[in-house]
Protein backbone atom coordinates (compact mmCIF):
# COMPACT_ATOMS: atom_id res chain seq x y z
CA UNK A 1 0.00 0.00 0.00
CA UNK A 2 1.42 3.37 -1.00
CA UNK A 3 2.03 6.35 1.24
CA UNK A 4 -1.29 7.96 2.14
CA UNK A 5 -1.81 11.66 2.80
CA UNK A 6 -5.13 13.13 3.93
CA UNK A 7 -5.99 16.70 3.17
CA UNK A 8 -9.07 17.87 5.00
CA UNK A 9 -11.27 19.99 3.16
CA UNK A 10 -26.81 -15.04 -12.60
CA UNK A 11 -26.56 -12.77 -15.42
CA UNK A 12 -29.39 -11.39 -17.44
CA UNK A 13 -29.04 -9.08 -20.43
CA UNK A 14 -31.89 -6.92 -21.67
CA UNK A 15 -32.67 -3.52 -23.13
CA UNK A 16 -35.09 -1.09 -21.49
CA UNK A 17 -36.51 1.72 -23.62
CA UNK A 18 -37.09 4.69 -21.33
CA UNK A 19 -40.83 4.75 -21.95
CA UNK A 20 -41.16 1.07 -21.06
CA UNK A 21 -39.15 0.98 -17.84
CA UNK A 22 -41.71 0.97 -15.05
CA UNK A 23 -41.78 -0.08 -11.44
CA UNK A 24 -41.62 -3.82 -10.90
CA UNK A 25 -44.95 -4.99 -9.54
CA UNK A 26 -43.52 -8.01 -7.73
CA UNK A 27 -40.93 -6.16 -5.69
CA UNK A 28 -41.90 -4.28 -2.57
CA UNK A 29 -40.78 -0.70 -2.13
CA UNK A 30 -37.55 -0.61 -0.15
CA UNK A 31 -36.91 2.84 1.26
CA UNK A 32 -33.71 1.70 3.01
CA UNK A 33 -32.02 0.54 -0.20
CA UNK A 34 -29.02 2.72 -1.04
CA UNK A 35 -27.04 1.47 -4.04
CA UNK A 36 -23.45 2.38 -4.81
CA UNK A 37 -23.29 3.58 -8.41
CA UNK A 38 -20.01 3.60 -10.34
CA UNK A 39 -19.42 5.81 -13.39
CA UNK A 40 -16.35 5.09 -15.57
CA UNK A 41 -14.18 7.68 -17.28
CA UNK A 42 -13.83 8.49 -20.95
CA UNK A 43 -13.43 5.36 -23.03
CA UNK A 44 -14.81 3.27 -20.18
CA UNK A 45 -17.47 0.58 -20.41
CA UNK A 46 -19.71 -1.32 -18.03
CA UNK A 47 -16.81 -3.74 -17.55
CA UNK A 48 -14.31 -1.09 -16.42
CA UNK A 49 -14.84 -1.73 -12.70
CA UNK A 50 -14.74 -5.54 -12.89
CA UNK A 51 -11.60 -6.01 -10.81
CA UNK A 52 -12.77 -3.56 -8.17
CA UNK A 53 -16.21 -5.17 -7.95
CA UNK A 54 -14.68 -8.63 -7.64
CA UNK A 55 -12.48 -7.46 -4.78
CA UNK A 56 -15.30 -5.63 -3.00
CA UNK A 57 -17.45 -8.76 -3.15
CA UNK A 58 -14.90 -11.10 -1.59
CA UNK A 59 -16.12 -10.74 1.98
CA UNK A 60 -19.77 -9.86 1.44
CA UNK A 61 -21.73 -10.54 -1.70
CA UNK A 62 -23.59 -7.58 -3.16
CA UNK A 63 -25.79 -7.68 -6.22
CA UNK A 64 -23.99 -6.36 -9.30
CA UNK A 65 -25.91 -4.65 -12.08
CA UNK A 66 -24.23 -3.22 -15.17
CA UNK A 67 -26.07 -0.62 -17.21
CA UNK A 68 -25.03 0.78 -20.58
CA UNK A 69 -26.92 3.88 -21.71
CA UNK A 70 -27.53 4.58 -25.40
CA UNK A 71 -27.67 8.11 -26.76
CA UNK A 72 -31.48 7.89 -26.94
CA UNK A 73 -31.70 6.90 -23.28
CA UNK A 74 -32.35 3.19 -23.78
CA UNK A 75 -30.70 1.03 -21.13
CA UNK A 76 -29.02 -2.32 -21.59
CA UNK A 77 -28.95 -3.97 -18.16
CA UNK A 78 -26.93 -7.01 -17.14
CA UNK A 79 -27.34 -8.63 -13.73
CA UNK A 80 -30.06 -9.22 -11.19
CA UNK A 81 -30.91 -7.59 -7.87
CA UNK A 82 -30.98 -10.03 -4.98
CA UNK A 83 -34.00 -9.84 -2.71
CA UNK A 84 -33.30 -7.77 0.37
CA UNK A 85 -29.99 -6.37 -0.90
CA UNK A 86 -29.67 -2.94 0.71
CA UNK A 87 -26.37 -2.02 -0.99
CA UNK A 88 -26.34 -3.27 -4.58
CA UNK A 89 -23.42 -2.24 -6.77
CA UNK A 90 -24.35 -0.66 -10.10
CA UNK A 91 -22.16 0.47 -12.98
CA UNK A 92 -23.62 3.11 -15.32
CA UNK A 93 -21.64 3.46 -18.56
CA UNK A 94 -22.41 5.20 -21.84
CA UNK A 95 -22.30 4.08 -25.47
CA UNK A 96 -20.91 7.51 -26.31
CA UNK A 97 -17.92 7.49 -23.98
CA UNK A 98 -15.79 10.07 -25.75
CA UNK A 99 -13.79 12.77 -23.97
CA UNK A 100 -14.59 16.49 -23.86
CA UNK A 101 -16.72 18.92 -21.86
CA UNK A 102 -19.66 18.66 -24.25
CA UNK A 103 -19.76 14.91 -23.91
CA UNK A 104 -19.46 15.10 -20.12
CA UNK A 105 -22.54 17.34 -20.15
CA UNK A 106 -24.37 14.83 -22.36
CA UNK A 107 -23.44 11.97 -20.04
CA UNK A 108 -24.66 13.98 -17.05
CA UNK A 109 -28.04 14.49 -18.74
CA UNK A 110 -28.24 10.78 -19.59
CA UNK A 111 -27.24 9.85 -16.05
CA UNK A 112 -30.13 11.90 -14.66
CA UNK A 113 -32.71 10.19 -16.87
CA UNK A 114 -31.14 6.79 -16.21
CA UNK A 115 -31.34 7.33 -12.48
CA UNK A 116 -35.07 8.03 -12.72
CA UNK A 117 -35.58 4.67 -14.42
CA UNK A 118 -33.44 2.81 -11.90
CA UNK A 119 -35.36 4.48 -9.06
CA UNK A 120 -38.63 3.14 -10.40
CA UNK A 121 -37.30 -0.32 -11.12
CA UNK A 122 -35.30 -0.89 -7.93
CA UNK A 123 -37.14 1.33 -5.46
CA UNK A 124 -34.57 3.65 -3.93
CA UNK A 125 -34.42 7.35 -3.15
CA UNK A 126 -30.81 7.65 -2.01
CA UNK A 127 -27.52 6.47 -3.46
CA UNK A 128 -23.75 6.83 -3.18
CA UNK A 129 -21.53 7.42 -6.19
CA UNK A 130 -17.99 6.62 -7.33
CA UNK A 131 -16.68 8.41 -10.40
CA UNK A 132 -13.35 7.65 -12.05
CA UNK A 133 -11.63 10.41 -14.04
CA UNK A 134 -14.31 12.14 -16.16
CA UNK A 135 -16.90 9.97 -14.43
CA UNK A 136 -16.20 12.11 -11.38
CA UNK A 137 -17.08 15.19 -13.42
CA UNK A 138 -20.39 13.57 -14.41
CA UNK A 139 -21.29 12.89 -10.79
CA UNK A 140 -20.12 16.34 -9.67
CA UNK A 141 -22.28 18.01 -12.30
CA UNK A 142 -25.17 15.80 -11.21
CA UNK A 143 -24.61 16.76 -7.57
CA UNK A 144 -24.89 20.42 -8.50
CA UNK A 145 -27.83 20.08 -10.86
CA UNK A 146 -30.15 17.38 -9.63
CA UNK A 147 -29.23 15.80 -6.31
CA UNK A 148 -32.19 17.42 -4.56
CA UNK A 149 -34.52 14.92 -6.22
CA UNK A 150 -32.61 11.70 -5.58
CA UNK A 151 -30.36 12.25 -2.59
CA UNK A 152 -26.70 11.66 -3.39
CA UNK A 153 -25.32 11.00 0.09
CA UNK A 154 -21.65 10.12 -0.49
CA UNK A 155 -19.51 10.93 -3.51
CA UNK A 156 -16.02 9.64 -4.24
CA UNK A 157 -14.07 10.91 -7.23
CA UNK A 158 -10.89 9.12 -8.33
CA UNK A 159 -8.26 10.91 -10.41
CA UNK A 160 -10.83 13.46 -11.57
CA UNK A 161 -9.39 16.32 -13.68
CA UNK A 162 -11.39 19.22 -12.28
CA UNK A 163 -9.06 21.67 -14.04
CA UNK A 164 -8.60 19.55 -17.16
CA UNK A 165 -4.96 18.60 -17.84
CA UNK A 166 -3.58 22.06 -17.15
CA UNK A 167 -0.72 21.87 -14.61
CA UNK A 168 -1.11 25.57 -13.77
CA UNK A 169 -3.60 25.92 -10.93
CA UNK A 170 -3.97 29.64 -11.62
CA UNK A 171 -5.46 28.98 -15.07
CA UNK A 172 -9.02 27.75 -14.64
CA UNK A 173 -10.54 25.53 -17.33
CA UNK A 174 -14.06 26.08 -18.66
CA UNK A 175 -15.19 22.99 -16.73
CA UNK A 176 -13.76 24.25 -13.45
CA UNK A 177 -15.31 27.68 -13.94
CA UNK A 178 -18.69 26.07 -14.58
CA UNK A 179 -18.48 23.84 -11.50
CA UNK A 180 -17.39 26.77 -9.35
CA UNK A 181 -20.31 28.85 -10.60
CA UNK A 182 -22.82 26.20 -9.45
CA UNK A 183 -21.10 24.99 -6.27
CA UNK A 184 -23.61 26.68 -3.98
CA UNK A 185 -26.26 24.30 -5.34
CA UNK A 186 -24.51 21.34 -3.70
CA UNK A 187 -26.38 19.61 -0.91
CA UNK A 188 -25.27 20.62 2.57
CA UNK A 189 -25.74 16.97 3.59
CA UNK A 190 -23.30 15.62 0.98
CA UNK A 191 -20.04 13.91 1.99
CA UNK A 192 -17.27 14.01 -0.61
CA UNK A 193 -13.95 12.19 -0.95
CA UNK A 194 -11.49 13.14 -3.71
CA UNK A 195 -8.74 10.58 -4.37
CA UNK A 196 -5.56 11.18 -6.32
CA UNK A 197 -2.19 9.50 -6.75
CA UNK A 198 1.29 10.85 -7.42
CA UNK A 199 3.28 8.63 -9.76
CA UNK A 200 5.90 10.97 -11.10
CA UNK A 201 6.57 14.64 -10.49
CA UNK A 202 3.24 16.30 -9.85
CA UNK A 203 0.84 14.01 -11.72
CA UNK A 204 -0.54 10.48 -11.89
CA UNK A 205 1.00 10.12 -15.32
CA UNK A 206 -1.88 11.91 -17.05
CA UNK A 207 -3.83 14.15 -14.66
CA UNK A 208 -1.89 16.85 -12.78
CA UNK A 209 -2.31 16.65 -9.03
CA UNK A 210 -3.21 20.34 -9.06
CA UNK A 211 -6.21 19.45 -11.24
CA UNK A 212 -7.38 16.80 -8.75
CA UNK A 213 -6.83 19.25 -5.89
CA UNK A 214 -8.94 21.87 -7.67
CA UNK A 215 -11.91 19.94 -6.30
CA UNK A 216 -11.22 21.69 -3.01
CA UNK A 217 -12.37 24.95 -4.57
CA UNK A 218 -15.70 23.35 -5.44
CA UNK A 219 -16.54 21.43 -2.27
CA UNK A 220 -14.87 23.24 0.64
CA UNK A 221 -17.48 25.00 2.82
CA UNK A 222 -20.25 23.83 0.47
CA UNK A 223 -20.87 20.27 1.66
CA UNK A 224 -21.13 18.55 5.05
CA UNK A 225 -17.71 16.89 4.81
CA UNK A 226 -14.93 17.06 2.23
CA UNK A 227 -11.70 15.05 2.33
CA UNK A 228 -8.87 14.81 -0.17
CA UNK A 229 -6.95 11.53 -0.07
CA UNK A 230 -3.59 11.45 -1.85
CA UNK A 231 -1.45 8.34 -2.29
CA UNK A 232 2.09 7.95 -3.59
CA UNK A 233 2.07 4.60 -5.35
CA UNK A 234 4.25 4.13 -8.46
CA UNK A 235 2.08 1.16 -9.46
CA UNK A 236 -1.09 3.27 -9.67
CA UNK A 237 -0.79 5.39 -12.78
CA UNK A 238 -3.97 7.09 -13.96
CA UNK A 239 -5.14 4.21 -16.15
CA UNK A 240 -4.63 1.71 -13.31
CA UNK A 241 -6.22 3.72 -10.50
CA UNK A 242 -9.47 1.80 -10.16
CA UNK A 243 -7.62 -1.53 -10.17
CA UNK A 244 -5.21 -0.43 -7.44
CA UNK A 245 -5.58 -2.19 -4.08
CA UNK A 246 -5.06 1.01 -2.07
CA UNK A 247 -7.83 2.78 -3.97
CA UNK A 248 -10.11 -0.25 -3.65
CA UNK A 249 -9.40 -0.33 0.10
CA UNK A 250 -10.56 3.29 0.36
CA UNK A 251 -13.71 2.53 -1.64
CA UNK A 252 -14.55 -0.37 0.64
CA UNK A 253 -13.90 1.57 3.81
CA UNK A 254 -15.71 4.82 3.11
CA UNK A 255 -18.26 3.84 0.44
CA UNK A 256 -19.20 0.26 1.32
CA UNK A 257 -18.69 0.36 5.10
CA UNK A 258 -19.44 4.11 5.21
CA UNK A 259 -16.65 4.84 7.64
CA UNK A 260 -14.91 8.19 7.97
CA UNK A 261 -11.16 7.81 7.37
CA UNK A 262 -10.11 10.65 9.66
């Protein structure tokens, strides 16, 4: 495990058209269900979190559902929810998984409509979210725009480039400016963890650490709790972050067990 630094601040495949996805009549409403939803980064698919999910399920088995969202909002769902599972693990990926601010905005819009369908199908009103790289931007935009309707309780971003790939913290990207403009819309009950890793110099091999740390400008004094977790693991370059055992340990501790690591 790398050096850790805390900075306080049975598989089924089917397609659901949006207009056909309705509440399941044979499943009772479960107000205590609170899934953990994973969103991959650019280029990611519903399989991106496989190693992490396998590790998280070693000690306690959670249902795993994988959802791929088409541009028209149709959902392809793989997996089955076990009866009584209060903490199912869901991956929401997108057919259009290209990079860029415009596409992040599109994914955020699709995530919102997808969440409405999952709410109806699986009967939940609260969830926790893990976003890797640009997936963290999707969940952050969601938290600012729509979390009042379905309560996002805990958010973890991993290697998220809040200030794009610019190593100069003084130069704010269009994305960062947008997120800063809407930060007061964040829920005061939200708990946020921002994870980053230093591989060489001041980056994880792709994303500058200053860009990860720019999340502090968004969340500090806007949410209930905000913590930045930085590791120094040469084996956890940006593309390997979500497969790294240290990162997975953090996910299990603060997102599965809902502990506070400070």
